[in-house]
Amino acid sequence: MLKIKRVYEAAEKSDGTRFLVERLWPRGMKKEALKMKAWLKNVAPSADLRNWFAHDPLKWPEFQKRYQAELKANEAEWQPILDAAKEGDVTLLYSAHDTEHNNALVLQSFLEKRLKK
C-alpha cells in the first residue's frame, strides 16, 4: 500500500518504508530526526516545474500532466519506491502545506497505476 504523509507528522510502524520525495530538504527538520529509508530528490518535480507551479491550485491540472511526463522519463528514480511497495507498506513524505495539491499525491497515483499492472 502506498500512503502519503507530511514530513512533520510523527513516524509510525504502520508507515512501513518511508521515502522523502522532495527536491529541497524540509525547513526546520533535522536529518537525524527524520526516519526514512532514502531521500529521493530526483523523483520530485524539477526545479523549473516546481517554480512554475508555486502551489497555485489553478495550475494543478497542468502541473499533474507535466510532473507525470517527468516521471515517465525517469523510471530509475521511482523504481526503488515501486520495489518497496511490492514488499509492503510505503509512505511518501512531503513537506508542502497544501494537502490537496502536492507532488506526493501525483506520485502516489502514478505509482499505484504501475502496481496494478
PDB file of N, CA and C in Angstrom:
ATOM      1  N   MET A   1       0.842  -1.180   0.000  1.00  0.00           N
ATOM      2  CA  MET A   1       0.000   0.000   0.000  1.00  0.00           C
ATOM      3  C   MET A   1       0.885   1.241   0.000  1.00  0.00           C
ATOM      4  N   LEU A   2       0.545   2.201  -0.833  1.00  0.00           N
ATOM      5  CA  LEU A   2       1.264   3.475  -0.917  1.00  0.00           C
ATOM      6  C   LEU A   2       0.478   4.545  -0.174  1.00  0.00           C
ATOM      7  N   LYS A   3       1.132   5.165   0.798  1.00  0.00           N
ATOM      8  CA  LYS A   3       0.500   6.228   1.575  1.00  0.00           C
ATOM      9  C   LYS A   3       1.333   7.490   1.432  1.00  0.00           C
ATOM     10  N   ILE A   4       0.728   8.611   1.755  1.00  0.00           N
ATOM     11  CA  ILE A   4       1.486   9.854   1.800  1.00  0.00           C
ATOM     12  C   ILE A   4       1.291  10.478   3.174  1.00  0.00           C
ATOM     13  N   LYS A   5       2.286  11.278   3.560  1.00  0.00           N
ATOM     14  CA  LYS A   5       2.261  11.864   4.896  1.00  0.00           C
ATOM     15  C   LYS A   5       3.155  13.099   4.903  1.00  0.00           C
ATOM     16  N   ARG A   6       2.712  14.128   5.612  1.00  0.00           N
ATOM     17  CA  ARG A   6       3.585  15.293   5.768  1.00  0.00           C
ATOM     18  C   ARG A   6       4.795  14.891   6.590  1.00  0.00           C
ATOM     19  N   VAL A   7       5.918  15.388   6.211  1.00  0.00           N
ATOM     20  CA  VAL A   7       7.181  15.045   6.843  1.00  0.00           C
ATOM     21  C   VAL A   7       7.205  15.446   8.323  1.00  0.00           C
ATOM     22  N   TYR A   8       6.368  16.396   8.707  1.00  0.00           N
ATOM     23  CA  TYR A   8       6.352  16.902  10.078  1.00  0.00           C
ATOM     24  C   TYR A   8       5.500  16.042  11.020  1.00  0.00           C
ATOM     25  N   GLU A   9       4.785  15.066  10.474  1.00  0.00           N
ATOM     26  CA  GLU A   9       3.998  14.152  11.301  1.00  0.00           C
ATOM     27  C   GLU A   9       4.912  13.055  11.841  1.00  0.00           C
ATOM     28  N   ALA A  10       4.593  12.563  13.018  1.00  0.00           N
ATOM     29  CA  ALA A  10       5.417  11.535  13.661  1.00  0.00           C
ATOM     30  C   ALA A  10       5.430  10.241  12.845  1.00  0.00           C
ATOM     31  N   ALA A  11       6.571   9.587  12.848  1.00  0.00           N
ATOM     32  CA  ALA A  11       6.698   8.280  12.198  1.00  0.00           C
ATOM     33  C   ALA A  11       5.944   7.236  13.014  1.00  0.00           C
ATOM     34  N   GLU A  12       5.328   6.290  12.301  1.00  0.00           N
ATOM     35  CA  GLU A  12       4.588   5.205  12.943  1.00  0.00           C
ATOM     36  C   GLU A  12       5.004   3.893  12.284  1.00  0.00           C
ATOM     37  N   LYS A  13       4.886   2.804  13.017  1.00  0.00           N
ATOM     38  CA  LYS A  13       5.233   1.493  12.441  1.00  0.00           C
ATOM     39  C   LYS A  13       4.412   1.208  11.194  1.00  0.00           C
ATOM     40  N   SER A  14       3.159   1.649  11.192  1.00  0.00           N
ATOM     41  CA  SER A  14       2.271   1.384  10.060  1.00  0.00           C
ATOM     42  C   SER A  14       2.709   2.114   8.788  1.00  0.00           C
ATOM     43  N   ASP A  15       3.655   3.050   8.894  1.00  0.00           N
ATOM     44  CA  ASP A  15       4.160   3.756   7.708  1.00  0.00           C
ATOM     45  C   ASP A  15       4.912   2.806   6.773  1.00  0.00           C
ATOM     46  N   GLY A  16       5.510   1.784   7.324  1.00  0.00           N
ATOM     47  CA  GLY A  16       6.324   0.897   6.507  1.00  0.00           C
ATOM     48  C   GLY A  16       7.605   1.593   6.088  1.00  0.00           C
ATOM     49  N   THR A  17       8.032   1.379   4.869  1.00  0.00           N
ATOM     50  CA  THR A  17       9.239   2.013   4.343  1.00  0.00           C
ATOM     51  C   THR A  17       8.913   3.444   3.967  1.00  0.00           C
ATOM     52  N   ARG A  18       9.732   4.370   4.448  1.00  0.00           N
ATOM     53  CA  ARG A  18       9.466   5.798   4.239  1.00  0.00           C
ATOM     54  C   ARG A  18      10.506   6.410   3.292  1.00  0.00           C
ATOM     55  N   PHE A  19      10.006   7.176   2.317  1.00  0.00           N
ATOM     56  CA  PHE A  19      10.865   7.873   1.361  1.00  0.00           C
ATOM     57  C   PHE A  19      10.501   9.348   1.347  1.00  0.00           C
ATOM     58  N   LEU A  20      11.503  10.213   1.438  1.00  0.00           N
ATOM     59  CA  LEU A  20      11.288  11.649   1.271  1.00  0.00           C
ATOM     60  C   LEU A  20      11.301  11.933  -0.227  1.00  0.00           C
ATOM     61  N   VAL A  21      10.231  12.545  -0.730  1.00  0.00           N
ATOM     62  CA  VAL A  21      10.092  12.777  -2.175  1.00  0.00           C
ATOM     63  C   VAL A  21      10.043  14.272  -2.489  1.00  0.00           C
ATOM     64  N   GLU A  22      10.946  15.008  -1.893  1.00  0.00           N
ATOM     65  CA  GLU A  22      11.079  16.453  -2.093  1.00  0.00           C
ATOM     66  C   GLU A  22      12.457  16.770  -2.645  1.00  0.00           C
ATOM     67  N   ARG A  23      12.543  17.763  -3.497  1.00  0.00           N
ATOM     68  CA  ARG A  23      13.838  18.181  -4.046  1.00  0.00           C
ATOM     69  C   ARG A  23      14.644  18.963  -3.009  1.00  0.00           C
ATOM     70  N   LEU A  24      13.961  19.732  -2.164  1.00  0.00           N
ATOM     71  CA  LEU A  24      14.622  20.526  -1.127  1.00  0.00           C
ATOM     72  C   LEU A  24      14.378  19.901   0.240  1.00  0.00           C
ATOM     73  N   TRP A  25      15.352  20.029   1.123  1.00  0.00           N
ATOM     74  CA  TRP A  25      15.187  19.495   2.476  1.00  0.00           C
ATOM     75  C   TRP A  25      14.124  20.312   3.204  1.00  0.00           C
ATOM     76  N   PRO A  26      13.215  19.651   3.943  1.00  0.00           N
ATOM     77  CA  PRO A  26      12.135  20.367   4.645  1.00  0.00           C
ATOM     78  C   PRO A  26      12.674  21.315   5.722  1.00  0.00           C
ATOM     79  N   ARG A  27      12.117  22.499   5.749  1.00  0.00           N
ATOM     80  CA  ARG A  27      12.528  23.518   6.725  1.00  0.00           C
ATOM     81  C   ARG A  27      12.331  23.025   8.150  1.00  0.00           C
ATOM     82  N   GLY A  28      13.315  23.311   8.975  1.00  0.00           N
ATOM     83  CA  GLY A  28      13.221  23.011  10.389  1.00  0.00           C
ATOM     84  C   GLY A  28      13.353  21.544  10.755  1.00  0.00           C
ATOM     85  N   MET A  29      13.612  20.694   9.797  1.00  0.00           N
ATOM     86  CA  MET A  29      13.690  19.253  10.048  1.00  0.00           C
ATOM     87  C   MET A  29      15.163  18.841  10.110  1.00  0.00           C
ATOM     88  N   LYS A  30      15.537  18.196  11.200  1.00  0.00           N
ATOM     89  CA  LYS A  30      16.907  17.701  11.321  1.00  0.00           C
ATOM     90  C   LYS A  30      16.990  16.340  10.643  1.00  0.00           C
ATOM     91  N   LYS A  31      18.057  16.120   9.917  1.00  0.00           N
ATOM     92  CA  LYS A  31      18.210  14.874   9.169  1.00  0.00           C
ATOM     93  C   LYS A  31      18.137  13.647  10.065  1.00  0.00           C
ATOM     94  N   GLU A  32      18.735  13.728  11.247  1.00  0.00           N
ATOM     95  CA  GLU A  32      18.713  12.573  12.137  1.00  0.00           C
ATOM     96  C   GLU A  32      17.325  12.326  12.741  1.00  0.00           C
ATOM     97  N   ALA A  33      16.453  13.324  12.708  1.00  0.00           N
ATOM     98  CA  ALA A  33      15.108  13.178  13.278  1.00  0.00           C
ATOM     99  C   ALA A  33      14.132  12.514  12.305  1.00  0.00           C
ATOM    100  N   LEU A  34      14.457  12.537  11.027  1.00  0.00           N
ATOM    101  CA  LEU A  34      13.542  12.009  10.020  1.00  0.00           C
ATOM    102  C   LEU A  34      13.848  10.537   9.756  1.00  0.00           C
ATOM    103  N   LYS A  35      12.940   9.690  10.175  1.00  0.00           N
ATOM    104  CA  LYS A  35      13.122   8.249   9.979  1.00  0.00           C
ATOM    105  C   LYS A  35      12.655   7.890   8.568  1.00  0.00           C
ATOM    106  N   MET A  36      13.632   7.552   7.728  1.00  0.00           N
ATOM    107  CA  MET A  36      13.311   7.233   6.338  1.00  0.00           C
ATOM    108  C   MET A  36      14.367   6.318   5.763  1.00  0.00           C
ATOM    109  N   LYS A  37      13.990   5.634   4.696  1.00  0.00           N
ATOM    110  CA  LYS A  37      14.953   4.768   4.008  1.00  0.00           C
ATOM    111  C   LYS A  37      15.857   5.594   3.102  1.00  0.00           C
ATOM    112  N   ALA A  38      15.251   6.553   2.372  1.00  0.00           N
ATOM    113  CA  ALA A  38      16.050   7.340   1.429  1.00  0.00           C
ATOM    114  C   ALA A  38      15.377   8.666   1.110  1.00  0.00           C
ATOM    115  N   TRP A  39      16.214   9.624   0.733  1.00  0.00           N
ATOM    116  CA  TRP A  39      15.750  10.921   0.230  1.00  0.00           C
ATOM    117  C   TRP A  39      15.906  10.858  -1.280  1.00  0.00           C
ATOM    118  N   LEU A  40      14.785  10.774  -1.985  1.00  0.00           N
ATOM    119  CA  LEU A  40      14.804  10.636  -3.438  1.00  0.00           C
ATOM    120  C   LEU A  40      14.545  11.997  -4.095  1.00  0.00           C
ATOM    121  N   LYS A  41      15.553  12.837  -4.093  1.00  0.00           N
ATOM    122  CA  LYS A  41      15.441  14.200  -4.637  1.00  0.00           C
ATOM    123  C   LYS A  41      14.983  14.198  -6.090  1.00  0.00           C
ATOM    124  N   ASN A  42      15.524  13.261  -6.860  1.00  0.00           N
ATOM    125  CA  ASN A  42      15.274  13.283  -8.302  1.00  0.00           C
ATOM    126  C   ASN A  42      13.933  12.702  -8.716  1.00  0.00           C
ATOM    127  N   VAL A  43      13.158  12.213  -7.753  1.00  0.00           N
ATOM    128  CA  VAL A  43      11.803  11.769  -8.066  1.00  0.00           C
ATOM    129  C   VAL A  43      10.833  12.952  -7.916  1.00  0.00           C
ATOM    130  N   ALA A  44      11.296  13.995  -7.269  1.00  0.00           N
ATOM    131  CA  ALA A  44      10.481  15.204  -7.082  1.00  0.00           C
ATOM    132  C   ALA A  44      10.412  15.980  -8.399  1.00  0.00           C
ATOM    133  N   PRO A  45       9.449  16.889  -8.515  1.00  0.00           N
ATOM    134  CA  PRO A  45       9.376  17.710  -9.732  1.00  0.00           C
ATOM    135  C   PRO A  45      10.672  18.498  -9.931  1.00  0.00           C
ATOM    136  N   SER A  46      11.009  18.749 -11.177  1.00  0.00           N
ATOM    137  CA  SER A  46      12.198  19.543 -11.484  1.00  0.00           C
ATOM    138  C   SER A  46      12.057  20.930 -10.857  1.00  0.00           C
ATOM    139  N   ALA A  47      13.179  21.598 -10.680  1.00  0.00           N
ATOM    140  CA  ALA A  47      13.156  22.951 -10.109  1.00  0.00           C
ATOM    141  C   ALA A  47      12.306  23.883 -10.976  1.00  0.00           C
ATOM    142  N   ASP A  48      12.430  23.757 -12.298  1.00  0.00           N
ATOM    143  CA  ASP A  48      11.635  24.608 -13.189  1.00  0.00           C
ATOM    144  C   ASP A  48      10.137  24.367 -13.006  1.00  0.00           C
ATOM    145  N   LEU A  49       9.743  23.108 -12.923  1.00  0.00           N
ATOM    146  CA  LEU A  49       8.327  22.788 -12.763  1.00  0.00           C
ATOM    147  C   LEU A  49       7.825  23.241 -11.394  1.00  0.00           C
ATOM    148  N   ARG A  50       8.615  22.997 -10.372  1.00  0.00           N
ATOM    149  CA  ARG A  50       8.234  23.398  -9.012  1.00  0.00           C
ATOM    150  C   ARG A  50       8.045  24.911  -8.928  1.00  0.00           C
ATOM    151  N   ASN A  51       8.982  25.660  -9.517  1.00  0.00           N
ATOM    152  CA  ASN A  51       8.884  27.127  -9.502  1.00  0.00           C
ATOM    153  C   ASN A  51       7.696  27.619 -10.316  1.00  0.00           C
ATOM    154  N   TRP A  52       7.436  26.983 -11.454  1.00  0.00           N
ATOM    155  CA  TRP A  52       6.281  27.376 -12.278  1.00  0.00           C
ATOM    156  C   TRP A  52       4.975  27.137 -11.524  1.00  0.00           C
ATOM    157  N   PHE A  53       4.844  25.981 -10.901  1.00  0.00           N
ATOM    158  CA  PHE A  53       3.614  25.624 -10.176  1.00  0.00           C
ATOM    159  C   PHE A  53       3.388  26.538  -8.986  1.00  0.00           C
ATOM    160  N   ALA A  54       4.392  26.729  -8.160  1.00  0.00           N
ATOM    161  CA  ALA A  54       4.327  27.615  -6.989  1.00  0.00           C
ATOM    162  C   ALA A  54       3.100  27.334  -6.121  1.00  0.00           C
ATOM    163  N   HIS A  55       2.651  26.102  -6.083  1.00  0.00           N
ATOM    164  CA  HIS A  55       1.491  25.664  -5.288  1.00  0.00           C
ATOM    165  C   HIS A  55       0.229  26.473  -5.582  1.00  0.00           C
ATOM    166  N   ASP A  56       0.068  26.843  -6.848  1.00  0.00           N
ATOM    167  CA  ASP A  56      -1.123  27.574  -7.291  1.00  0.00           C
ATOM    168  C   ASP A  56      -2.184  26.543  -7.695  1.00  0.00           C
ATOM    169  N   PRO A  57      -3.278  26.434  -6.935  1.00  0.00           N
ATOM    170  CA  PRO A  57      -4.313  25.437  -7.262  1.00  0.00           C
ATOM    171  C   PRO A  57      -4.877  25.569  -8.676  1.00  0.00           C
ATOM    172  N   LEU A  58      -4.840  26.764  -9.250  1.00  0.00           N
ATOM    173  CA  LEU A  58      -5.340  26.945 -10.611  1.00  0.00           C
ATOM    174  C   LEU A  58      -4.448  26.238 -11.639  1.00  0.00           C
ATOM    175  N   LYS A  59      -3.187  26.015 -11.286  1.00  0.00           N
ATOM    176  CA  LYS A  59      -2.245  25.335 -12.178  1.00  0.00           C
ATOM    177  C   LYS A  59      -2.197  23.827 -11.923  1.00  0.00           C
ATOM    178  N   TRP A  60      -2.975  23.342 -10.973  1.00  0.00           N
ATOM    179  CA  TRP A  60      -2.925  21.932 -10.565  1.00  0.00           C
ATOM    180  C   TRP A  60      -3.105  20.942 -11.714  1.00  0.00           C
ATOM    181  N   PRO A  61      -4.139  21.085 -12.557  1.00  0.00           N
ATOM    182  CA  PRO A  61      -4.302  20.093 -13.642  1.00  0.00           C
ATOM    183  C   PRO A  61      -3.082  20.034 -14.574  1.00  0.00           C
ATOM    184  N   GLU A  62      -2.552  21.189 -14.933  1.00  0.00           N
ATOM    185  CA  GLU A  62      -1.384  21.216 -15.821  1.00  0.00           C
ATOM    186  C   GLU A  62      -0.130  20.708 -15.104  1.00  0.00           C
ATOM    187  N   PHE A  63      -0.002  21.040 -13.827  1.00  0.00           N
ATOM    188  CA  PHE A  63       1.130  20.525 -13.043  1.00  0.00           C
ATOM    189  C   PHE A  63       1.144  19.006 -13.047  1.00  0.00           C
ATOM    190  N   GLN A  64      -0.020  18.394 -12.837  1.00  0.00           N
ATOM    191  CA  GLN A  64      -0.099  16.933 -12.815  1.00  0.00           C
ATOM    192  C   GLN A  64       0.393  16.341 -14.136  1.00  0.00           C
ATOM    193  N   LYS A  65      -0.044  16.910 -15.241  1.00  0.00           N
ATOM    194  CA  LYS A  65       0.374  16.410 -16.561  1.00  0.00           C
ATOM    195  C   LYS A  65       1.879  16.531 -16.748  1.00  0.00           C
ATOM    196  N   ARG A  66       2.407  17.700 -16.411  1.00  0.00           N
ATOM    197  CA  ARG A  66       3.845  17.939 -16.606  1.00  0.00           C
ATOM    198  C   ARG A  66       4.686  17.052 -15.684  1.00  0.00           C
ATOM    199  N   TYR A  67       4.245  16.914 -14.446  1.00  0.00           N
ATOM    200  CA  TYR A  67       5.005  16.095 -13.498  1.00  0.00           C
ATOM    201  C   TYR A  67       4.961  14.619 -13.908  1.00  0.00           C
ATOM    202  N   GLN A  68       3.825  14.143 -14.356  1.00  0.00           N
ATOM    203  CA  GLN A  68       3.743  12.750 -14.816  1.00  0.00           C
ATOM    204  C   GLN A  68       4.651  12.522 -16.015  1.00  0.00           C
ATOM    205  N   ALA A  69       4.769  13.505 -16.880  1.00  0.00           N
ATOM    206  CA  ALA A  69       5.683  13.384 -18.028  1.00  0.00           C
ATOM    207  C   ALA A  69       7.129  13.276 -17.541  1.00  0.00           C
ATOM    208  N   GLU A  70       7.480  14.048 -16.522  1.00  0.00           N
ATOM    209  CA  GLU A  70       8.828  13.945 -15.951  1.00  0.00           C
ATOM    210  C   GLU A  70       9.044  12.561 -15.334  1.00  0.00           C
ATOM    211  N   LEU A  71       8.036  12.070 -14.642  1.00  0.00           N
ATOM    212  CA  LEU A  71       8.150  10.749 -14.014  1.00  0.00           C
ATOM    213  C   LEU A  71       8.335   9.652 -15.055  1.00  0.00           C
ATOM    214  N   LYS A  72       7.576   9.720 -16.137  1.00  0.00           N
ATOM    215  CA  LYS A  72       7.695   8.702 -17.190  1.00  0.00           C
ATOM    216  C   LYS A  72       9.101   8.663 -17.775  1.00  0.00           C
ATOM    217  N   ALA A  73       9.766   9.804 -17.797  1.00  0.00           N
ATOM    218  CA  ALA A  73      11.116   9.890 -18.356  1.00  0.00           C
ATOM    219  C   ALA A  73      12.201   9.520 -17.339  1.00  0.00           C
ATOM    220  N   ASN A  74      11.818   9.250 -16.101  1.00  0.00           N
ATOM    221  CA  ASN A  74      12.790   8.998 -15.028  1.00  0.00           C
ATOM    222  C   ASN A  74      12.483   7.737 -14.242  1.00  0.00           C
ATOM    223  N   GLU A  75      12.227   6.652 -14.898  1.00  0.00           N
ATOM    224  CA  GLU A  75      11.832   5.413 -14.226  1.00  0.00           C
ATOM    225  C   GLU A  75      12.833   4.969 -13.160  1.00  0.00           C
ATOM    226  N   ALA A  76      14.108   5.126 -13.421  1.00  0.00           N
ATOM    227  CA  ALA A  76      15.126   4.674 -12.456  1.00  0.00           C
ATOM    228  C   ALA A  76      15.011   5.389 -11.116  1.00  0.00           C
ATOM    229  N   GLU A  77      14.470   6.594 -11.119  1.00  0.00           N
ATOM    230  CA  GLU A  77      14.351   7.370  -9.883  1.00  0.00           C
ATOM    231  C   GLU A  77      13.239   6.854  -8.979  1.00  0.00           C
ATOM    232  N   TRP A  78      12.113   6.436  -9.555  1.00  0.00           N
ATOM    233  CA  TRP A  78      10.987   5.982  -8.730  1.00  0.00           C
ATOM    234  C   TRP A  78      10.898   4.468  -8.587  1.00  0.00           C
ATOM    235  N   GLN A  79      11.700   3.740  -9.307  1.00  0.00           N
ATOM    236  CA  GLN A  79      11.658   2.275  -9.231  1.00  0.00           C
ATOM    237  C   GLN A  79      11.899   1.746  -7.813  1.00  0.00           C
ATOM    238  N   PRO A  80      12.820   2.330  -7.015  1.00  0.00           N
ATOM    239  CA  PRO A  80      13.000   1.823  -5.639  1.00  0.00           C
ATOM    240  C   PRO A  80      11.720   1.906  -4.799  1.00  0.00           C
ATOM    241  N   ILE A  81      10.908   2.908  -5.046  1.00  0.00           N
ATOM    242  CA  ILE A  81       9.637   3.032  -4.312  1.00  0.00           C
ATOM    243  C   ILE A  81       8.706   1.897  -4.722  1.00  0.00           C
ATOM    244  N   LEU A  82       8.619   1.661  -6.020  1.00  0.00           N
ATOM    245  CA  LEU A  82       7.764   0.599  -6.534  1.00  0.00           C
ATOM    246  C   LEU A  82       8.210  -0.767  -6.010  1.00  0.00           C
ATOM    247  N   ASP A  83       9.503  -1.000  -6.001  1.00  0.00           N
ATOM    248  CA  ASP A  83      10.035  -2.269  -5.485  1.00  0.00           C
ATOM    249  C   ASP A  83       9.671  -2.448  -4.016  1.00  0.00           C
ATOM    250  N   ALA A  84       9.816  -1.394  -3.224  1.00  0.00           N
ATOM    251  CA  ALA A  84       9.477  -1.471  -1.794  1.00  0.00           C
ATOM    252  C   ALA A  84       7.980  -1.695  -1.604  1.00  0.00           C
ATOM    253  N   ALA A  85       7.163  -1.083  -2.449  1.00  0.00           N
ATOM    254  CA  ALA A  85       5.702  -1.216  -2.335  1.00  0.00           C
ATOM    255  C   ALA A  85       5.252  -2.638  -2.662  1.00  0.00           C
ATOM    256  N   LYS A  86       6.002  -3.339  -3.478  1.00  0.00           N
ATOM    257  CA  LYS A  86       5.670  -4.736  -3.788  1.00  0.00           C
ATOM    258  C   LYS A  86       5.942  -5.639  -2.588  1.00  0.00           C
ATOM    259  N   GLU A  87       6.790  -5.182  -1.674  1.00  0.00           N
ATOM    260  CA  GLU A  87       7.160  -5.954  -0.484  1.00  0.00           C
ATOM    261  C   GLU A  87       6.326  -5.610   0.745  1.00  0.00           C
ATOM    262  N   GLY A  88       5.742  -4.410   0.768  1.00  0.00           N
ATOM    263  CA  GLY A  88       4.985  -3.995   1.948  1.00  0.00           C
ATOM    264  C   GLY A  88       4.563  -2.539   1.859  1.00  0.00           C
ATOM    265  N   ASP A  89       4.117  -2.007   2.982  1.00  0.00           N
ATOM    266  CA  ASP A  89       3.638  -0.623   3.017  1.00  0.00           C
ATOM    267  C   ASP A  89       4.775   0.358   2.763  1.00  0.00           C
ATOM    268  N   VAL A  90       4.434   1.449   2.069  1.00  0.00           N
ATOM    269  CA  VAL A  90       5.380   2.517   1.767  1.00  0.00           C
ATOM    270  C   VAL A  90       4.681   3.843   2.042  1.00  0.00           C
ATOM    271  N   THR A  91       5.422   4.774   2.640  1.00  0.00           N
ATOM    272  CA  THR A  91       4.904   6.119   2.866  1.00  0.00           C
ATOM    273  C   THR A  91       5.805   7.114   2.154  1.00  0.00           C
ATOM    274  N   LEU A  92       5.170   7.969   1.345  1.00  0.00           N
ATOM    275  CA  LEU A  92       5.868   9.040   0.647  1.00  0.00           C
ATOM    276  C   LEU A  92       5.772  10.285   1.513  1.00  0.00           C
ATOM    277  N   LEU A  93       6.901  10.837   1.873  1.00  0.00           N
ATOM    278  CA  LEU A  93       6.939  12.005   2.750  1.00  0.00           C
ATOM    279  C   LEU A  93       7.082  13.277   1.928  1.00  0.00           C
ATOM    280  N   TYR A  94       6.259  14.269   2.243  1.00  0.00           N
ATOM    281  CA  TYR A  94       6.309  15.559   1.551  1.00  0.00           C
ATOM    282  C   TYR A  94       6.220  16.670   2.584  1.00  0.00           C
ATOM    283  N   SER A  95       6.585  17.886   2.190  1.00  0.00           N
ATOM    284  CA  SER A  95       6.605  18.988   3.148  1.00  0.00           C
ATOM    285  C   SER A  95       5.606  20.103   2.851  1.00  0.00           C
ATOM    286  N   ALA A  96       4.944  20.066   1.723  1.00  0.00           N
ATOM    287  CA  ALA A  96       4.006  21.134   1.353  1.00  0.00           C
ATOM    288  C   ALA A  96       2.895  21.285   2.385  1.00  0.00           C
ATOM    289  N   HIS A  97       2.472  22.525   2.585  1.00  0.00           N
ATOM    290  CA  HIS A  97       1.353  22.796   3.499  1.00  0.00           C
ATOM    291  C   HIS A  97       0.028  22.338   2.899  1.00  0.00           C
ATOM    292  N   ASP A  98      -0.076  22.437   1.588  1.00  0.00           N
ATOM    293  CA  ASP A  98      -1.315  22.089   0.882  1.00  0.00           C
ATOM    294  C   ASP A  98      -1.418  20.565   0.758  1.00  0.00           C
ATOM    295  N   THR A  99      -2.383  20.001   1.439  1.00  0.00           N
ATOM    296  CA  THR A  99      -2.539  18.540   1.431  1.00  0.00           C
ATOM    297  C   THR A  99      -3.337  18.033   0.232  1.00  0.00           C
ATOM    298  N   GLU A 100      -3.881  18.938  -0.572  1.00  0.00           N
ATOM    299  CA  GLU A 100      -4.694  18.534  -1.723  1.00  0.00           C
ATOM    300  C   GLU A 100      -4.015  18.784  -3.064  1.00  0.00           C
ATOM    301  N   HIS A 101      -2.936  19.561  -3.067  1.00  0.00           N
ATOM    302  CA  HIS A 101      -2.232  19.912  -4.305  1.00  0.00           C
ATOM    303  C   HIS A 101      -0.726  19.828  -4.060  1.00  0.00           C
ATOM    304  N   ASN A 102      -0.185  18.620  -4.102  1.00  0.00           N
ATOM    305  CA  ASN A 102       1.250  18.469  -3.886  1.00  0.00           C
ATOM    306  C   ASN A 102       1.793  17.302  -4.710  1.00  0.00           C
ATOM    307  N   ASN A 103       3.098  17.295  -4.887  1.00  0.00           N
ATOM    308  CA  ASN A 103       3.721  16.282  -5.746  1.00  0.00           C
ATOM    309  C   ASN A 103       3.546  14.860  -5.227  1.00  0.00           C
ATOM    310  N   ALA A 104       3.452  14.685  -3.910  1.00  0.00           N
ATOM    311  CA  ALA A 104       3.302  13.326  -3.367  1.00  0.00           C
ATOM    312  C   ALA A 104       1.991  12.694  -3.823  1.00  0.00           C
ATOM    313  N   LEU A 105       0.938  13.478  -3.943  1.00  0.00           N
ATOM    314  CA  LEU A 105      -0.345  12.951  -4.430  1.00  0.00           C
ATOM    315  C   LEU A 105      -0.221  12.454  -5.868  1.00  0.00           C
ATOM    316  N   VAL A 106       0.456  13.243  -6.691  1.00  0.00           N
ATOM    317  CA  VAL A 106       0.638  12.858  -8.096  1.00  0.00           C
ATOM    318  C   VAL A 106       1.502  11.605  -8.182  1.00  0.00           C
ATOM    319  N   LEU A 107       2.578  11.579  -7.417  1.00  0.00           N
ATOM    320  CA  LEU A 107       3.474  10.425  -7.418  1.00  0.00           C
ATOM    321  C   LEU A 107       2.752   9.177  -6.921  1.00  0.00           C
ATOM    322  N   GLN A 108       1.973   9.309  -5.886  1.00  0.00           N
ATOM    323  CA  GLN A 108       1.206   8.177  -5.350  1.00  0.00           C
ATOM    324  C   GLN A 108       0.287   7.600  -6.427  1.00  0.00           C
ATOM    325  N   SER A 109      -0.464   8.439  -7.092  1.00  0.00           N
ATOM    326  CA  SER A 109      -1.379   7.994  -8.145  1.00  0.00           C
ATOM    327  C   SER A 109      -0.612   7.349  -9.299  1.00  0.00           C
ATOM    328  N   PHE A 110       0.469   7.963  -9.702  1.00  0.00           N
ATOM    329  CA  PHE A 110       1.313   7.470 -10.794  1.00  0.00           C
ATOM    330  C   PHE A 110       1.818   6.055 -10.470  1.00  0.00           C
ATOM    331  N   LEU A 111       2.311   5.852  -9.248  1.00  0.00           N
ATOM    332  CA  LEU A 111       2.875   4.566  -8.869  1.00  0.00           C
ATOM    333  C   LEU A 111       1.797   3.508  -8.639  1.00  0.00           C
ATOM    334  N   GLU A 112       0.649   3.908  -8.108  1.00  0.00           N
ATOM    335  CA  GLU A 112      -0.436   2.938  -7.900  1.00  0.00           C
ATOM    336  C   GLU A 112      -0.875   2.320  -9.215  1.00  0.00           C
ATOM    337  N   LYS A 113      -0.902   3.101 -10.280  1.00  0.00           N
ATOM    338  CA  LYS A 113      -1.264   2.586 -11.606  1.00  0.00           C
ATOM    339  C   LYS A 113      -0.260   1.519 -12.059  1.00  0.00           C
ATOM    340  N   ARG A 114       1.007   1.735 -11.752  1.00  0.00           N
ATOM    341  CA  ARG A 114       2.033   0.764 -12.141  1.00  0.00           C
ATOM    342  C   ARG A 114       2.022  -0.473 -11.274  1.00  0.00           C
ATOM    343  N   LEU A 115       1.611  -0.333 -10.032  1.00  0.00           N
ATOM    344  CA  LEU A 115       1.495  -1.504  -9.149  1.00  0.00           C
ATOM    345  C   LEU A 115       0.385  -2.450  -9.593  1.00  0.00           C
ATOM    346  N   LYS A 116      -0.647  -1.906 -10.218  1.00  0.00           N
ATOM    347  CA  LYS A 116      -1.789  -2.717 -10.651  1.00  0.00           C
ATOM    348  C   LYS A 116      -1.485  -3.517 -11.905  1.00  0.00           C
ATOM    349  N   LYS A 117      -0.430  -3.130 -12.620  1.00  0.00           N
ATOM    350  CA  LYS A 117      -0.072  -3.822 -13.879  1.00  0.00           C
ATOM    351  C   LYS A 117       0.519  -5.173 -13.608  1.00  0.00           C
TER     352      LYS A 117
END
